[in-house]
PDB file of N, CA and C in Angstrom:
ATOM      1  N   SER A   1     -38.695  15.993 -13.920  1.00  0.00           N
ATOM      2  CA  SER A   1     -39.057  15.765 -12.535  1.00  0.00           C
ATOM      3  C   SER A   1     -38.057  14.806 -11.900  1.00  0.00           C
ATOM      4  N   ARG A   2     -37.722  15.068 -10.678  1.00  0.00           N
ATOM      5  CA  ARG A   2     -36.778  14.220  -9.949  1.00  0.00           C
ATOM      6  C   ARG A   2     -37.528  13.118  -9.237  1.00  0.00           C
ATOM      7  N   SER A   3     -36.867  11.989  -9.130  1.00  0.00           N
ATOM      8  CA  SER A   3     -37.476  10.924  -8.343  1.00  0.00           C
ATOM      9  C   SER A   3     -36.639  10.730  -7.085  1.00  0.00           C
ATOM     10  N   PHE A   4     -37.292  10.797  -5.940  1.00  0.00           N
ATOM     11  CA  PHE A   4     -36.601  10.651  -4.671  1.00  0.00           C
ATOM     12  C   PHE A   4     -36.957   9.302  -4.063  1.00  0.00           C
ATOM     13  N   ALA A   5     -35.952   8.664  -3.485  1.00  0.00           N
ATOM     14  CA  ALA A   5     -36.184   7.387  -2.825  1.00  0.00           C
ATOM     15  C   ALA A   5     -36.852   7.645  -1.482  1.00  0.00           C
ATOM     16  N   THR A   6     -37.946   6.979  -1.231  1.00  0.00           N
ATOM     17  CA  THR A   6     -38.654   7.167   0.032  1.00  0.00           C
ATOM     18  C   THR A   6     -38.284   6.103   1.044  1.00  0.00           C
ATOM     19  N   SER A   7     -37.593   5.069   0.610  1.00  0.00           N
ATOM     20  CA  SER A   7     -37.214   4.006   1.526  1.00  0.00           C
ATOM     21  C   SER A   7     -36.053   4.455   2.393  1.00  0.00           C
ATOM     22  N   SER A   8     -36.170   4.220   3.690  1.00  0.00           N
ATOM     23  CA  SER A   8     -35.089   4.618   4.596  1.00  0.00           C
ATOM     24  C   SER A   8     -33.909   3.654   4.509  1.00  0.00           C
ATOM     25  N   ALA A   9     -34.096   2.501   3.868  1.00  0.00           N
ATOM     26  CA  ALA A   9     -33.007   1.535   3.743  1.00  0.00           C
ATOM     27  C   ALA A   9     -31.949   2.011   2.761  1.00  0.00           C
ATOM     28  N   LEU A  10     -32.290   2.930   1.870  1.00  0.00           N
ATOM     29  CA  LEU A  10     -31.332   3.418   0.894  1.00  0.00           C
ATOM     30  C   LEU A  10     -30.542   4.618   1.395  1.00  0.00           C
ATOM     31  N   TRP A  11     -30.904   5.183   2.536  1.00  0.00           N
ATOM     32  CA  TRP A  11     -30.262   6.372   3.054  1.00  0.00           C
ATOM     33  C   TRP A  11     -29.352   6.014   4.217  1.00  0.00           C
ATOM     34  N   TYR A  12     -28.101   6.448   4.130  1.00  0.00           N
ATOM     35  CA  TYR A  12     -27.159   6.236   5.220  1.00  0.00           C
ATOM     36  C   TYR A  12     -26.614   7.589   5.646  1.00  0.00           C
ATOM     37  N   PRO A  13     -26.382   7.787   6.931  1.00  0.00           N
ATOM     38  CA  PRO A  13     -25.803   9.067   7.344  1.00  0.00           C
ATOM     39  C   PRO A  13     -24.342   9.163   6.922  1.00  0.00           C
ATOM     40  N   LYS A  14     -23.889  10.380   6.693  1.00  0.00           N
ATOM     41  CA  LYS A  14     -22.502  10.588   6.322  1.00  0.00           C
ATOM     42  C   LYS A  14     -21.617  10.292   7.524  1.00  0.00           C
ATOM     43  N   LEU A  15     -20.426   9.778   7.261  1.00  0.00           N
ATOM     44  CA  LEU A  15     -19.480   9.503   8.331  1.00  0.00           C
ATOM     45  C   LEU A  15     -18.733  10.778   8.691  1.00  0.00           C
ATOM     46  N   LYS A  16     -18.352  10.880   9.952  1.00  0.00           N
ATOM     47  CA  LYS A  16     -17.577  12.039  10.387  1.00  0.00           C
ATOM     48  C   LYS A  16     -16.109  11.659  10.507  1.00  0.00           C
ATOM     49  N   SER A  17     -15.247  12.546  10.050  1.00  0.00           N
ATOM     50  CA  SER A  17     -13.810  12.350  10.214  1.00  0.00           C
ATOM     51  C   SER A  17     -13.424  12.699  11.650  1.00  0.00           C
ATOM     52  N   HIS A  18     -12.443  12.004  12.176  1.00  0.00           N
ATOM     53  CA  HIS A  18     -11.966  12.248  13.537  1.00  0.00           C
ATOM     54  C   HIS A  18     -11.078  13.489  13.532  1.00  0.00           C
ATOM     55  N   SER A  19     -11.483  14.522  14.270  1.00  0.00           N
ATOM     56  CA  SER A  19     -10.810  15.820  14.202  1.00  0.00           C
ATOM     57  C   SER A  19      -9.359  15.760  14.660  1.00  0.00           C
ATOM     58  N   GLY A  20      -9.084  14.997  15.710  1.00  0.00           N
ATOM     59  CA  GLY A  20      -7.709  14.890  16.200  1.00  0.00           C
ATOM     60  C   GLY A  20      -6.806  14.198  15.197  1.00  0.00           C
ATOM     61  N   THR A  21      -7.341  13.180  14.544  1.00  0.00           N
ATOM     62  CA  THR A  21      -6.575  12.466  13.521  1.00  0.00           C
ATOM     63  C   THR A  21      -6.346  13.360  12.315  1.00  0.00           C
ATOM     64  N   LYS A  22      -7.351  14.152  11.957  1.00  0.00           N
ATOM     65  CA  LYS A  22      -7.241  15.062  10.817  1.00  0.00           C
ATOM     66  C   LYS A  22      -6.086  16.048  11.002  1.00  0.00           C
ATOM     67  N   LYS A  23      -5.883  16.480  12.251  1.00  0.00           N
ATOM     68  CA  LYS A  23      -4.849  17.470  12.525  1.00  0.00           C
ATOM     69  C   LYS A  23      -3.448  16.871  12.541  1.00  0.00           C
ATOM     70  N   ARG A  24      -3.336  15.574  12.777  1.00  0.00           N
ATOM     71  CA  ARG A  24      -2.031  14.954  12.976  1.00  0.00           C
ATOM     72  C   ARG A  24      -1.528  14.134  11.791  1.00  0.00           C
ATOM     73  N   TRP A  25      -2.417  13.603  10.979  1.00  0.00           N
ATOM     74  CA  TRP A  25      -2.038  12.678   9.914  1.00  0.00           C
ATOM     75  C   TRP A  25      -2.400  13.220   8.543  1.00  0.00           C
ATOM     76  N   ARG A  26      -1.606  12.873   7.533  1.00  0.00           N
ATOM     77  CA  ARG A  26      -1.890  13.188   6.128  1.00  0.00           C
ATOM     78  C   ARG A  26      -1.855  11.887   5.351  1.00  0.00           C
ATOM     79  N   SER A  27      -2.785  11.711   4.434  1.00  0.00           N
ATOM     80  CA  SER A  27      -2.807  10.485   3.645  1.00  0.00           C
ATOM     81  C   SER A  27      -1.871  10.605   2.452  1.00  0.00           C
ATOM     82  N   LEU A  28      -1.316   9.489   2.038  1.00  0.00           N
ATOM     83  CA  LEU A  28      -0.402   9.417   0.897  1.00  0.00           C
ATOM     84  C   LEU A  28      -1.077   8.677  -0.249  1.00  0.00           C
ATOM     85  N   PRO A  29      -0.629   8.886  -1.485  1.00  0.00           N
ATOM     86  CA  PRO A  29      -1.250   8.198  -2.630  1.00  0.00           C
ATOM     87  C   PRO A  29      -1.164   6.672  -2.553  1.00  0.00           C
ATOM     88  N   ASN A  30      -0.176   6.128  -1.853  1.00  0.00           N
ATOM     89  CA  ASN A  30      -0.046   4.672  -1.769  1.00  0.00           C
ATOM     90  C   ASN A  30      -0.911   4.052  -0.678  1.00  0.00           C
ATOM     91  N   GLY A  31      -1.740   4.864   0.001  1.00  0.00           N
ATOM     92  CA  GLY A  31      -2.649   4.327   1.006  1.00  0.00           C
ATOM     93  C   GLY A  31      -2.130   4.431   2.424  1.00  0.00           C
ATOM     94  N   LEU A  32      -0.865   4.786   2.597  1.00  0.00           N
ATOM     95  CA  LEU A  32      -0.317   4.952   3.935  1.00  0.00           C
ATOM     96  C   LEU A  32      -0.599   6.364   4.439  1.00  0.00           C
ATOM     97  N   PHE A  33      -0.228   6.608   5.692  1.00  0.00           N
ATOM     98  CA  PHE A  33      -0.393   7.916   6.297  1.00  0.00           C
ATOM     99  C   PHE A  33       0.946   8.355   6.871  1.00  0.00           C
ATOM    100  N   LYS A  34       1.167   9.680   6.932  1.00  0.00           N
ATOM    101  CA  LYS A  34       2.395  10.186   7.519  1.00  0.00           C
ATOM    102  C   LYS A  34       2.059  11.228   8.571  1.00  0.00           C
ATOM    103  N   ARG A  35       2.984  11.415   9.506  1.00  0.00           N
ATOM    104  CA  ARG A  35       2.811  12.393  10.573  1.00  0.00           C
ATOM    105  C   ARG A  35       4.180  12.868  11.027  1.00  0.00           C
ATOM    106  N   GLY A  36       4.174  13.990  11.713  1.00  0.00           N
ATOM    107  CA  GLY A  36       5.394  14.466  12.338  1.00  0.00           C
ATOM    108  C   GLY A  36       5.541  13.850  13.716  1.00  0.00           C
ATOM    109  N   LYS A  37       6.767  13.731  14.165  1.00  0.00           N
ATOM    110  CA  LYS A  37       6.989  13.162  15.493  1.00  0.00           C
ATOM    111  C   LYS A  37       6.863  14.240  16.557  1.00  0.00           C
ATOM    112  N   ALA A  38       6.388  13.844  17.715  1.00  0.00           N
ATOM    113  CA  ALA A  38       6.189  14.776  18.825  1.00  0.00           C
ATOM    114  C   ALA A  38       7.491  14.978  19.596  1.00  0.00           C
ATOM    115  N   GLY A  39       7.589  16.092  20.313  1.00  0.00           N
ATOM    116  CA  GLY A  39       8.711  16.329  21.206  1.00  0.00           C
ATOM    117  C   GLY A  39       9.880  17.044  20.576  1.00  0.00           C
ATOM    118  N   HIS A  40       9.674  17.686  19.428  1.00  0.00           N
ATOM    119  CA  HIS A  40      10.779  18.344  18.740  1.00  0.00           C
ATOM    120  C   HIS A  40      10.752  19.856  18.899  1.00  0.00           C
ATOM    121  N   SER A  41       9.705  20.398  19.495  1.00  0.00           N
ATOM    122  CA  SER A  41       9.520  21.847  19.445  1.00  0.00           C
ATOM    123  C   SER A  41      10.110  22.607  20.637  1.00  0.00           C
ATOM    124  N   HIS A  42      10.194  22.009  21.801  1.00  0.00           N
ATOM    125  CA  HIS A  42      10.713  22.760  22.941  1.00  0.00           C
ATOM    126  C   HIS A  42      11.430  21.821  23.907  1.00  0.00           C
ATOM    127  N   LEU A  43      12.111  22.420  24.885  1.00  0.00           N
ATOM    128  CA  LEU A  43      12.963  21.692  25.847  1.00  0.00           C
ATOM    129  C   LEU A  43      14.030  20.884  25.112  1.00  0.00           C
ATOM    130  N   ASN A  44      14.689  21.527  24.153  1.00  0.00           N
ATOM    131  CA  ASN A  44      15.639  20.810  23.307  1.00  0.00           C
ATOM    132  C   ASN A  44      17.075  20.848  23.811  1.00  0.00           C
ATOM    133  N   THR A  45      17.366  21.652  24.821  1.00  0.00           N
ATOM    134  CA  THR A  45      18.760  21.768  25.262  1.00  0.00           C
ATOM    135  C   THR A  45      19.258  20.484  25.911  1.00  0.00           C
ATOM    136  N   SER A  46      18.361  19.725  26.510  1.00  0.00           N
ATOM    137  CA  SER A  46      18.784  18.488  27.170  1.00  0.00           C
ATOM    138  C   SER A  46      18.777  17.288  26.224  1.00  0.00           C
ATOM    139  N   LYS A  47      18.344  17.472  24.991  1.00  0.00           N
ATOM    140  CA  LYS A  47      18.277  16.368  24.031  1.00  0.00           C
ATOM    141  C   LYS A  47      19.524  16.358  23.162  1.00  0.00           C
ATOM    142  N   SER A  48      19.992  15.163  22.853  1.00  0.00           N
ATOM    143  CA  SER A  48      21.187  15.039  22.022  1.00  0.00           C
ATOM    144  C   SER A  48      20.855  15.410  20.581  1.00  0.00           C
ATOM    145  N   PRO A  49      21.850  15.841  19.804  1.00  0.00           N
ATOM    146  CA  PRO A  49      21.602  16.162  18.395  1.00  0.00           C
ATOM    147  C   PRO A  49      21.047  14.973  17.606  1.00  0.00           C
ATOM    148  N   ALA A  50      21.503  13.788  17.912  1.00  0.00           N
ATOM    149  CA  ALA A  50      20.991  12.605  17.203  1.00  0.00           C
ATOM    150  C   ALA A  50      19.516  12.390  17.503  1.00  0.00           C
ATOM    151  N   ARG A  51      19.128  12.617  18.749  1.00  0.00           N
ATOM    152  CA  ARG A  51      17.723  12.463  19.128  1.00  0.00           C
ATOM    153  C   ARG A  51      16.857  13.521  18.451  1.00  0.00           C
ATOM    154  N   LYS A  52      17.361  14.753  18.376  1.00  0.00           N
ATOM    155  CA  LYS A  52      16.608  15.824  17.717  1.00  0.00           C
ATOM    156  C   LYS A  52      16.453  15.552  16.222  1.00  0.00           C
ATOM    157  N   ASN A  53      17.477  14.966  15.609  1.00  0.00           N
ATOM    158  CA  ASN A  53      17.377  14.603  14.191  1.00  0.00           C
ATOM    159  C   ASN A  53      16.330  13.515  13.981  1.00  0.00           C
ATOM    160  N   ARG A  54      16.282  12.547  14.874  1.00  0.00           N
ATOM    161  CA  ARG A  54      15.273  11.485  14.777  1.00  0.00           C
ATOM    162  C   ARG A  54      13.868  12.064  14.941  1.00  0.00           C
ATOM    163  N   LEU A  55      13.712  13.020  15.863  1.00  0.00           N
ATOM    164  CA  LEU A  55      12.396  13.613  16.107  1.00  0.00           C
ATOM    165  C   LEU A  55      11.930  14.484  14.953  1.00  0.00           C
ATOM    166  N   SER A  56      12.855  14.984  14.150  1.00  0.00           N
ATOM    167  CA  SER A  56      12.474  15.854  13.038  1.00  0.00           C
ATOM    168  C   SER A  56      12.056  15.064  11.810  1.00  0.00           C
ATOM    169  N   GLN A  57      12.301  13.755  11.806  1.00  0.00           N
ATOM    170  CA  GLN A  57      11.958  12.941  10.642  1.00  0.00           C
ATOM    171  C   GLN A  57      10.470  12.601  10.628  1.00  0.00           C
ATOM    172  N   THR A  58       9.994  12.154   9.475  1.00  0.00           N
ATOM    173  CA  THR A  58       8.594  11.808   9.295  1.00  0.00           C
ATOM    174  C   THR A  58       8.336  10.384   9.768  1.00  0.00           C
ATOM    175  N   ALA A  59       7.204  10.174  10.427  1.00  0.00           N
ATOM    176  CA  ALA A  59       6.786   8.837  10.840  1.00  0.00           C
ATOM    177  C   ALA A  59       5.650   8.374   9.925  1.00  0.00           C
ATOM    178  N   TYR A  60       5.641   7.090   9.584  1.00  0.00           N
ATOM    179  CA  TYR A  60       4.639   6.528   8.685  1.00  0.00           C
ATOM    180  C   TYR A  60       3.815   5.473   9.410  1.00  0.00           C
ATOM    181  N   SER A  61       2.579   5.303   8.971  1.00  0.00           N
ATOM    182  CA  SER A  61       1.710   4.287   9.563  1.00  0.00           C
ATOM    183  C   SER A  61       2.104   2.908   9.034  1.00  0.00           C
ATOM    184  N   ASP A  62       1.772   1.883   9.811  1.00  0.00           N
ATOM    185  CA  ASP A  62       2.075   0.528   9.363  1.00  0.00           C
ATOM    186  C   ASP A  62       1.042  -0.457   9.897  1.00  0.00           C
ATOM    187  N   GLY A  63       0.750  -1.455   9.106  1.00  0.00           N
ATOM    188  CA  GLY A  63      -0.078  -2.576   9.535  1.00  0.00           C
ATOM    189  C   GLY A  63      -1.460  -2.185   9.986  1.00  0.00           C
ATOM    190  N   ARG A  64      -1.802  -2.619  11.187  1.00  0.00           N
ATOM    191  CA  ARG A  64      -3.126  -2.400  11.737  1.00  0.00           C
ATOM    192  C   ARG A  64      -3.407  -0.904  11.934  1.00  0.00           C
ATOM    193  N   GLN A  65      -2.372  -0.128  12.170  1.00  0.00           N
ATOM    194  CA  GLN A  65      -2.532   1.310  12.356  1.00  0.00           C
ATOM    195  C   GLN A  65      -3.126   1.962  11.109  1.00  0.00           C
ATOM    196  N   THR A  66      -2.698   1.511   9.922  1.00  0.00           N
ATOM    197  CA  THR A  66      -3.231   2.043   8.671  1.00  0.00           C
ATOM    198  C   THR A  66      -4.716   1.728   8.539  1.00  0.00           C
ATOM    199  N   VAL A  67      -5.120   0.526   8.919  1.00  0.00           N
ATOM    200  CA  VAL A  67      -6.528   0.126   8.855  1.00  0.00           C
ATOM    201  C   VAL A  67      -7.364   1.016   9.767  1.00  0.00           C
ATOM    202  N   ASN A  68      -6.864   1.277  10.983  1.00  0.00           N
ATOM    203  CA  ASN A  68      -7.596   2.130  11.918  1.00  0.00           C
ATOM    204  C   ASN A  68      -7.686   3.567  11.411  1.00  0.00           C
ATOM    205  N   LEU A  69      -6.611   4.059  10.793  1.00  0.00           N
ATOM    206  CA  LEU A  69      -6.624   5.432  10.288  1.00  0.00           C
ATOM    207  C   LEU A  69      -7.604   5.590   9.138  1.00  0.00           C
ATOM    208  N   LYS A  70      -7.762   4.564   8.332  1.00  0.00           N
ATOM    209  CA  LYS A  70      -8.724   4.643   7.228  1.00  0.00           C
ATOM    210  C   LYS A  70     -10.160   4.710   7.751  1.00  0.00           C
ATOM    211  N   LYS A  71     -10.405   4.119   8.919  1.00  0.00           N
ATOM    212  CA  LYS A  71     -11.734   4.236   9.532  1.00  0.00           C
ATOM    213  C   LYS A  71     -11.944   5.625  10.145  1.00  0.00           C
ATOM    214  N   LEU A  72     -10.872   6.187  10.706  1.00  0.00           N
ATOM    215  CA  LEU A  72     -10.989   7.500  11.335  1.00  0.00           C
ATOM    216  C   LEU A  72     -11.072   8.623  10.304  1.00  0.00           C
ATOM    217  N   LEU A  73     -10.454   8.417   9.128  1.00  0.00           N
ATOM    218  CA  LEU A  73     -10.487   9.410   8.062  1.00  0.00           C
ATOM    219  C   LEU A  73     -11.107   8.800   6.816  1.00  0.00           C
ATOM    220  N   PRO A  74     -12.439   8.679   6.765  1.00  0.00           N
ATOM    221  CA  PRO A  74     -13.071   7.973   5.664  1.00  0.00           C
ATOM    222  C   PRO A  74     -13.050   8.722   4.345  1.00  0.00           C
ATOM    223  N   TYR A  75     -12.876  10.050   4.337  1.00  0.00           N
ATOM    224  CA  TYR A  75     -12.958  10.816   3.101  1.00  0.00           C
ATOM    225  C   TYR A  75     -11.642  11.451   2.744  1.00  0.00           C
TER     226      TYR A  75
END
């Protein structure tokens, strides 16, 4: 027979992940997050090659941003 807790103090609702953050960020094993940079997909003729190379690189979270991302993506 199973025993179920009847006290509401032991039950917490599940947290929801932030959908927009889920689509933009990926977590890394070291606890940081990575994302692609915006502005690389279109209207590229007016951008310099150096700027396009910078936009194609990966961006990483840092400092307080990492703390906020861990709250937005709890699982």
